[in-house]
Every structure is written in structure tokens, then in C-alpha cells.
C-alpha atoms as a PDB file:
ATOM      1  CA  MET A   1      -0.274  -0.020   0.164  1.00  0.00           C
ATOM      2  CA  GLY A   2       0.750   3.582   0.074  1.00  0.00           C
ATOM      3  CA  ASN A   3       4.291   4.118  -2.133  1.00  0.00           C
ATOM      4  CA  THR A   4       5.217   0.932  -2.782  1.00  0.00           C
ATOM      5  CA  PRO A   5       5.589   0.467  -6.762  1.00  0.00           C
ATOM      6  CA  SER A   6       3.336  -1.716  -8.377  1.00  0.00           C
ATOM      7  CA  THR A   7       4.699  -4.556 -10.342  1.00  0.00           C
ATOM      8  CA  PRO A   8       4.432  -4.181 -14.085  1.00  0.00           C
ATOM      9  CA  PRO A   9       2.881  -6.796 -16.195  1.00  0.00           C
ATOM     10  CA  PRO A  10       5.144  -8.592 -18.453  1.00  0.00           C
ATOM     11  CA  LEU A  11       5.732  -7.483 -21.842  1.00  0.00           C
ATOM     12  CA  LEU A  12       3.904 -10.381 -23.914  1.00  0.00           C
ATOM     13  CA  PRO A  13       5.438 -12.483 -26.800  1.00  0.00           C
ATOM     14  CA  ALA A  14       4.314 -11.463 -30.574  1.00  0.00           C
ATOM     15  CA  PRO A  15       0.501 -11.634 -31.228  1.00  0.00           C
ATOM     16  CA  ALA A  16      -0.647 -14.305 -33.741  1.00  0.00           C
ATOM     17  CA  ALA A  17      -0.114 -13.690 -37.397  1.00  0.00           C
ATOM     18  CA  GLY A  18      -2.759 -11.304 -38.898  1.00  0.00           C
ATOM     19  CA  ILE A  19      -3.615 -10.243 -35.105  1.00  0.00           C
ATOM     20  CA  ILE A  20      -2.854  -6.298 -34.255  1.00  0.00           C
ATOM     21  CA  ARG A  21      -2.400  -5.839 -30.316  1.00  0.00           C
ATOM     22  CA  LEU A  22      -4.035  -2.627 -29.486  1.00  0.00           C
ATOM     23  CA  CYS A  23      -1.742  -1.605 -26.267  1.00  0.00           C
ATOM     24  CA  VAL A  24      -2.563   1.539 -23.985  1.00  0.00           C
ATOM     25  CA  ALA A  25      -0.383   2.079 -20.801  1.00  0.00           C
ATOM     26  CA  GLY A  26      -1.525   5.464 -18.719  1.00  0.00           C
ATOM     27  CA  PHE A  27      -2.258   6.846 -15.491  1.00  0.00           C
ATOM     28  CA  THR A  28      -5.255   5.485 -13.548  1.00  0.00           C
ATOM     29  CA  LEU A  29      -6.956   8.794 -13.453  1.00  0.00           C
ATOM     30  CA  SER A  30      -6.657  10.487 -16.440  1.00  0.00           C
ATOM     31  CA  HIS A  31      -9.792  11.130 -19.175  1.00  0.00           C
ATOM     32  CA  HIS A  32      -7.111  10.885 -22.291  1.00  0.00           C
ATOM     33  CA  THR A  33      -6.082   7.509 -20.968  1.00  0.00           C
ATOM     34  CA  GLY A  34     -10.000   6.652 -20.323  1.00  0.00           C
ATOM     35  CA  ARG A  35     -11.140   7.298 -23.842  1.00  0.00           C
ATOM     36  CA  ALA A  36      -7.746   5.506 -25.266  1.00  0.00           C
ATOM     37  CA  ARG A  37      -8.873   2.438 -23.531  1.00  0.00           C
ATOM     38  CA  LYS A  38     -12.710   2.712 -24.510  1.00  0.00           C
ATOM     39  CA  ILE A  39     -11.415   3.053 -28.450  1.00  0.00           C
ATOM     40  CA  ALA A  40      -9.313   0.306 -28.077  1.00  0.00           C
ATOM     41  CA  ASP A  41     -12.306  -1.946 -26.154  1.00  0.00           C
ATOM     42  CA  ALA A  42     -14.505  -1.056 -29.208  1.00  0.00           C
ATOM     43  CA  LEU A  43     -12.183  -1.734 -31.829  1.00  0.00           C
ATOM     44  CA  GLN A  44     -11.169  -4.871 -30.522  1.00  0.00           C
ATOM     45  CA  ARG A  45     -15.269  -5.808 -29.894  1.00  0.00           C
ATOM     46  CA  ARG A  46     -16.103  -4.781 -33.458  1.00  0.00           C
ATOM     47  CA  GLU A  47     -13.349  -7.111 -34.944  1.00  0.00           C
ATOM     48  CA  PRO A  48     -12.293  -9.731 -32.487  1.00  0.00           C
ATOM     49  CA  HIS A  49     -10.744 -11.963 -35.220  1.00  0.00           C
ATOM     50  CA  LYS A  50      -7.979  -8.968 -36.118  1.00  0.00           C
ATOM     51  CA  TYR A  51      -7.584  -7.167 -32.764  1.00  0.00           C
ATOM     52  CA  GLU A  52      -6.680  -8.110 -29.053  1.00  0.00           C
ATOM     53  CA  THR A  53      -6.243  -5.613 -26.327  1.00  0.00           C
ATOM     54  CA  TRP A  54      -3.492  -4.913 -23.860  1.00  0.00           C
ATOM     55  CA  PHE A  55      -3.415  -2.684 -20.729  1.00  0.00           C
ATOM     56  CA  HIS A  56      -1.241  -1.272 -18.110  1.00  0.00           C
ATOM     57  CA  PHE A  57      -2.213   1.417 -15.738  1.00  0.00           C
ATOM     58  CA  ALA A  58      -0.193   2.714 -12.553  1.00  0.00           C
ATOM     59  CA  SER A  59       1.032   5.953 -11.099  1.00  0.00           C
ATOM     60  CA  HIS A  60       2.906   8.353 -12.315  1.00  0.00           C
ATOM     61  CA  THR A  61       6.453   6.969 -11.285  1.00  0.00           C
ATOM     62  CA  ASP A  62       5.400   3.547 -12.283  1.00  0.00           C
ATOM     63  CA  TYR A  63       3.979   4.743 -15.563  1.00  0.00           C
ATOM     64  CA  ARG A  64       6.834   6.430 -16.565  1.00  0.00           C
ATOM     65  CA  ALA A  65       9.024   3.577 -15.425  1.00  0.00           C
ATOM     66  CA  PHE A  66       7.295   1.085 -17.558  1.00  0.00           C
ATOM     67  CA  ILE A  67       6.928   3.204 -20.632  1.00  0.00           C
ATOM     68  CA  ALA A  68      11.085   3.750 -20.510  1.00  0.00           C
ATOM     69  CA  ARG A  69      11.123  -0.128 -20.406  1.00  0.00           C
ATOM     70  CA  VAL A  70       8.361  -0.388 -23.588  1.00  0.00           C
ATOM     71  CA  LYS A  71      10.298   2.255 -25.517  1.00  0.00           C
ATOM     72  CA  GLU A  72      13.634   0.638 -25.067  1.00  0.00           C
ATOM     73  CA  GLN A  73      12.176  -3.239 -25.968  1.00  0.00           C
ATOM     74  CA  ALA A  74      10.668  -1.456 -29.283  1.00  0.00           C
ATOM     75  CA  GLY A  75      14.401   0.244 -30.330  1.00  0.00           C
ATOM     76  CA  VAL A  76      12.949   4.004 -29.384  1.00  0.00           C
ATOM     77  CA  VAL A  77      16.175   6.324 -29.424  1.00  0.00           C
ATOM     78  CA  GLU A  78      16.702   9.642 -28.460  1.00  0.00           C
ATOM     79  CA  SER A  79      16.999  10.805 -31.626  1.00  0.00           C
ATOM     80  CA  ASP A  80      12.818   9.678 -31.714  1.00  0.00           C
ATOM     81  CA  ALA A  81      10.334  12.311 -31.222  1.00  0.00           C
ATOM     82  CA  LEU A  82       8.519   9.442 -28.779  1.00  0.00           C
ATOM     83  CA  PHE A  83      11.419   9.357 -26.703  1.00  0.00           C
ATOM     84  CA  LEU A  84      10.172  12.428 -24.850  1.00  0.00           C
ATOM     85  CA  HIS A  85       6.466  11.731 -24.708  1.00  0.00           C
ATOM     86  CA  ARG A  86       5.857  11.321 -21.009  1.00  0.00           C
ATOM     87  CA  SER A  87       2.386  12.334 -20.736  1.00  0.00           C
ATOM     88  CA  SER A  88      -0.578   9.676 -20.269  1.00  0.00           C
ATOM     89  CA  PRO A  89      -1.520   7.725 -22.215  1.00  0.00           C
ATOM     90  CA  PHE A  90       1.273   6.265 -24.407  1.00  0.00           C
ATOM     91  CA  CYS A  91      -0.406   4.178 -27.461  1.00  0.00           C
ATOM     92  CA  TRP A  92       1.381   1.568 -29.489  1.00  0.00           C
ATOM     93  CA  LEU A  93       0.421  -1.577 -31.966  1.00  0.00           C
ATOM     94  CA  GLU A  94       2.213  -4.857 -31.755  1.00  0.00           C
ATOM     95  CA  ARG A  95       2.213  -7.545 -34.358  1.00  0.00           C
ATOM     96  CA  ALA A  96       4.073 -10.766 -35.167  1.00  0.00           C
ATOM     97  CA  GLY A  97       7.388  -9.894 -36.882  1.00  0.00           C
ATOM     98  CA  GLY A  98       9.724 -11.958 -38.748  1.00  0.00           C
ATOM     99  CA  GLY A  99      11.624 -15.010 -36.905  1.00  0.00           C
ATOM    100  CA  GLY A 100       8.743 -15.230 -34.529  1.00  0.00           C
ATOM    101  CA  GLY A 101       9.521 -11.609 -33.014  1.00  0.00           C
ATOM    102  CA  LYS A 102       7.510  -9.048 -33.018  1.00  0.00           C
ATOM    103  CA  GLU A 103       7.034  -5.461 -34.485  1.00  0.00           C
ATOM    104  CA  PHE A 104       6.054  -2.371 -32.492  1.00  0.00           C
ATOM    105  CA  GLU A 105       4.071   0.610 -34.443  1.00  0.00           C
ATOM    106  CA  MET A 106       4.619   3.635 -31.691  1.00  0.00           C
ATOM    107  CA  LEU A 107       1.891   5.907 -31.920  1.00  0.00           C
ATOM    108  CA  GLY A 108       2.246   8.502 -28.921  1.00  0.00           C
ATOM    109  CA  GLY A 109      -0.946   9.708 -27.311  1.00  0.00           C
ATOM    110  CA  ARG A 110      -4.590   9.505 -27.399  1.00  0.00           C
ATOM    111  CA  ASP A 111      -4.862  12.076 -29.971  1.00  0.00           C
ATOM    112  CA  ARG A 112      -2.256   9.745 -32.239  1.00  0.00           C
ATOM    113  CA  PHE A 113      -4.345   6.616 -31.477  1.00  0.00           C
ATOM    114  CA  CYS A 114      -7.129   8.031 -32.781  1.00  0.00           C
ATOM    115  CA  GLU A 115      -5.796   9.482 -36.120  1.00  0.00           C
ATOM    116  CA  TRP A 116      -4.185   5.470 -36.367  1.00  0.00           C
ATOM    117  CA  VAL A 117      -7.983   4.527 -36.299  1.00  0.00           C
ATOM    118  CA  GLN A 118      -9.523   7.068 -38.575  1.00  0.00           C
ATOM    119  CA  ALA A 119      -6.753   6.226 -41.308  1.00  0.00           C
ATOM    120  CA  ASN A 120      -6.588   2.508 -40.707  1.00  0.00           C
ATOM    121  CA  ALA A 121      -9.570   0.675 -39.141  1.00  0.00           C
ATOM    122  CA  LEU A 122     -12.556   3.117 -38.633  1.00  0.00           C
ATOM    123  CA  GLU A 123     -13.602   2.436 -42.299  1.00  0.00           C
ATOM    124  CA  VAL A 124     -13.458  -0.838 -43.678  1.00  0.00           C
ATOM    125  CA  ALA A 125     -14.804  -0.968 -47.407  1.00  0.00           C
ATOM    126  CA  GLY A 126     -17.671  -3.053 -48.039  1.00  0.00           C
ATOM    127  CA  VAL A 127     -18.884  -4.243 -44.474  1.00  0.00           C
ATOM    128  CA  GLU A 128     -22.078  -3.353 -42.945  1.00  0.00           C
ATOM    129  CA  TRP A 129     -21.484  -4.162 -39.642  1.00  0.00           C
ATOM    130  CA  ALA A 130     -24.541  -5.758 -37.601  1.00  0.00           C
ATOM    131  CA  GLY A 131     -25.312  -6.490 -33.725  1.00  0.00           C
ATOM    132  CA  GLU A 132     -22.834  -5.994 -31.381  1.00  0.00           C
ATOM    133  CA  ALA A 133     -20.156  -4.763 -34.128  1.00  0.00           C
ATOM    134  CA  ALA A 134     -22.590  -2.106 -35.076  1.00  0.00           C
ATOM    135  CA  VAL A 135     -22.673  -0.764 -31.474  1.00  0.00           C
ATOM    136  CA  ALA A 136     -18.982  -0.711 -31.321  1.00  0.00           C
ATOM    137  CA  HIS A 137     -18.613   0.738 -34.921  1.00  0.00           C
ATOM    138  CA  ALA A 138     -20.723   3.523 -33.689  1.00  0.00           C
ATOM    139  CA  GLU A 139     -18.768   4.535 -30.278  1.00  0.00           C
ATOM    140  CA  LEU A 140     -15.952   4.287 -32.166  1.00  0.00           C
ATOM    141  CA  GLN A 141     -16.857   6.822 -34.948  1.00  0.00           C
ATOM    142  CA  GLU A 142     -18.167   9.065 -32.053  1.00  0.00           C
ATOM    143  CA  MET A 143     -14.798   8.473 -29.839  1.00  0.00           C
ATOM    144  CA  VAL A 144     -12.406   9.283 -32.516  1.00  0.00           C
ATOM    145  CA  SER A 145     -13.888  12.499 -33.622  1.00  0.00           C
ATOM    146  CA  THR A 146     -14.650  13.963 -30.122  1.00  0.00           C
ATOM    147  CA  PRO A 147     -12.854  15.211 -27.384  1.00  0.00           C
ATOM    148  CA  PRO A 148     -12.493  12.673 -24.181  1.00  0.00           C
ATOM    149  CA  SER A 149     -14.914  14.049 -21.131  1.00  0.00           C
ATOM    150  CA  ILE A 150     -13.501  15.058 -18.042  1.00  0.00           C
ATOM    151  CA  PHE A 151     -16.449  13.243 -16.421  1.00  0.00           C
ATOM    152  CA  SER A 152     -17.204   9.887 -18.129  1.00  0.00           C
ATOM    153  CA  ASP A 153     -13.892   9.282 -19.358  1.00  0.00           C
ATOM    154  CA  VAL A 154     -11.723  10.350 -16.214  1.00  0.00           C
ATOM    155  CA  TRP A 155     -12.216   7.130 -14.417  1.00  0.00           C
ATOM    156  CA  VAL A 156      -9.563   4.407 -16.195  1.00  0.00           C
ATOM    157  CA  ASP A 157     -11.150   0.868 -16.363  1.00  0.00           C
ATOM    158  CA  GLU A 158      -8.322  -1.242 -15.028  1.00  0.00           C
ATOM    159  CA  THR A 159      -9.742  -4.384 -16.426  1.00  0.00           C
ATOM    160  CA  PRO A 160      -7.135  -6.598 -17.943  1.00  0.00           C
ATOM    161  CA  GLY A 161      -7.244  -6.515 -22.236  1.00  0.00           C
ATOM    162  CA  THR A 162      -8.405  -9.740 -24.264  1.00  0.00           C
ATOM    163  CA  SER A 163      -4.607 -10.565 -24.169  1.00  0.00           C
ATOM    164  CA  GLN A 164      -3.842 -10.716 -20.562  1.00  0.00           C
ATOM    165  CA  VAL A 165      -6.551 -12.917 -20.017  1.00  0.00           C
ATOM    166  CA  ALA A 166      -5.638 -16.578 -19.139  1.00  0.00           C
END
């Protein structure tokens, strides 16, 4: 309790081929982090065959130490613009790489995550969403095009992501 540092979760091996792991790490109390978490959840619910989620939420000090570890594993160096990113959240994607490794696509904050969703995942040509996928799609459209709420997005859901549940 108190100031005891939390144990960071292990960084996972590569996702299965063809799966994109949506990763969000951040402070436990942040409207930008809460919104990023909701966007990742909605995208995964809409297309569970294509996306899985992974989350880590912590205090300021623990979060920043964890993000430094992620950046190191991803090969982010001091000359990269994302090296100095310390605000919450930090979002990135993981895909299966060659030789059993994984590839990272470092995005940055919630704003960059929204841009990625809008450019790469929001509209899928020829697809009419139905049922839960239609609900998730409508949520995505709203969340990536509006600012987060300091009321409804500030409390971050700390439930593990789909790739963290055994």
C-alpha cells in the first residue's frame, strides 16, 4: 500500500499472425487514458478476429518507468520524437514479426491513436456492421472524432485486456 511500486506486467510475446495488439498504458486517473482504453475496447469488440487488447495503468512514477521499458524494447532512441513522450496515455501496436519476434508501431498519445484508427481501421470497405459490431462501430466513430470527457472518461477501467486474460 501507499508508495509501494506496483509490479509491472510482463511484456507479451508477439501476437498471432494477422492479429494487431492494441496497447494502452497510462495513469489510472486520466480522461485521455480512459478514452484511449474505450477506443481500444470498441475496436476489439467490433473485430475480435483482427484485434486484441493489452493495458497497463499505474501511478505517475511507475507508469513512466514502465514506458521507458517499452520504448527500450521497441528500439525507440533519443533522436526519435516519441522518446520524450511522458504524458498519459502512451499507445502502440504490436504485430507478429519475422523469426517469431514482434514488430512495434509506436503511436504516442490518445490523439495519435485516434488518428491511426481514423486512417487505418474506422472504415472497412464493403462491410455493413450488425449486432454488437454495429454498436462498437458507432461508439468508435463518436470517440475518435470528439474530445474526451473530464467526467465520463476520467476513471480508467483497469480490467485486463483480451491478451492478458488466460
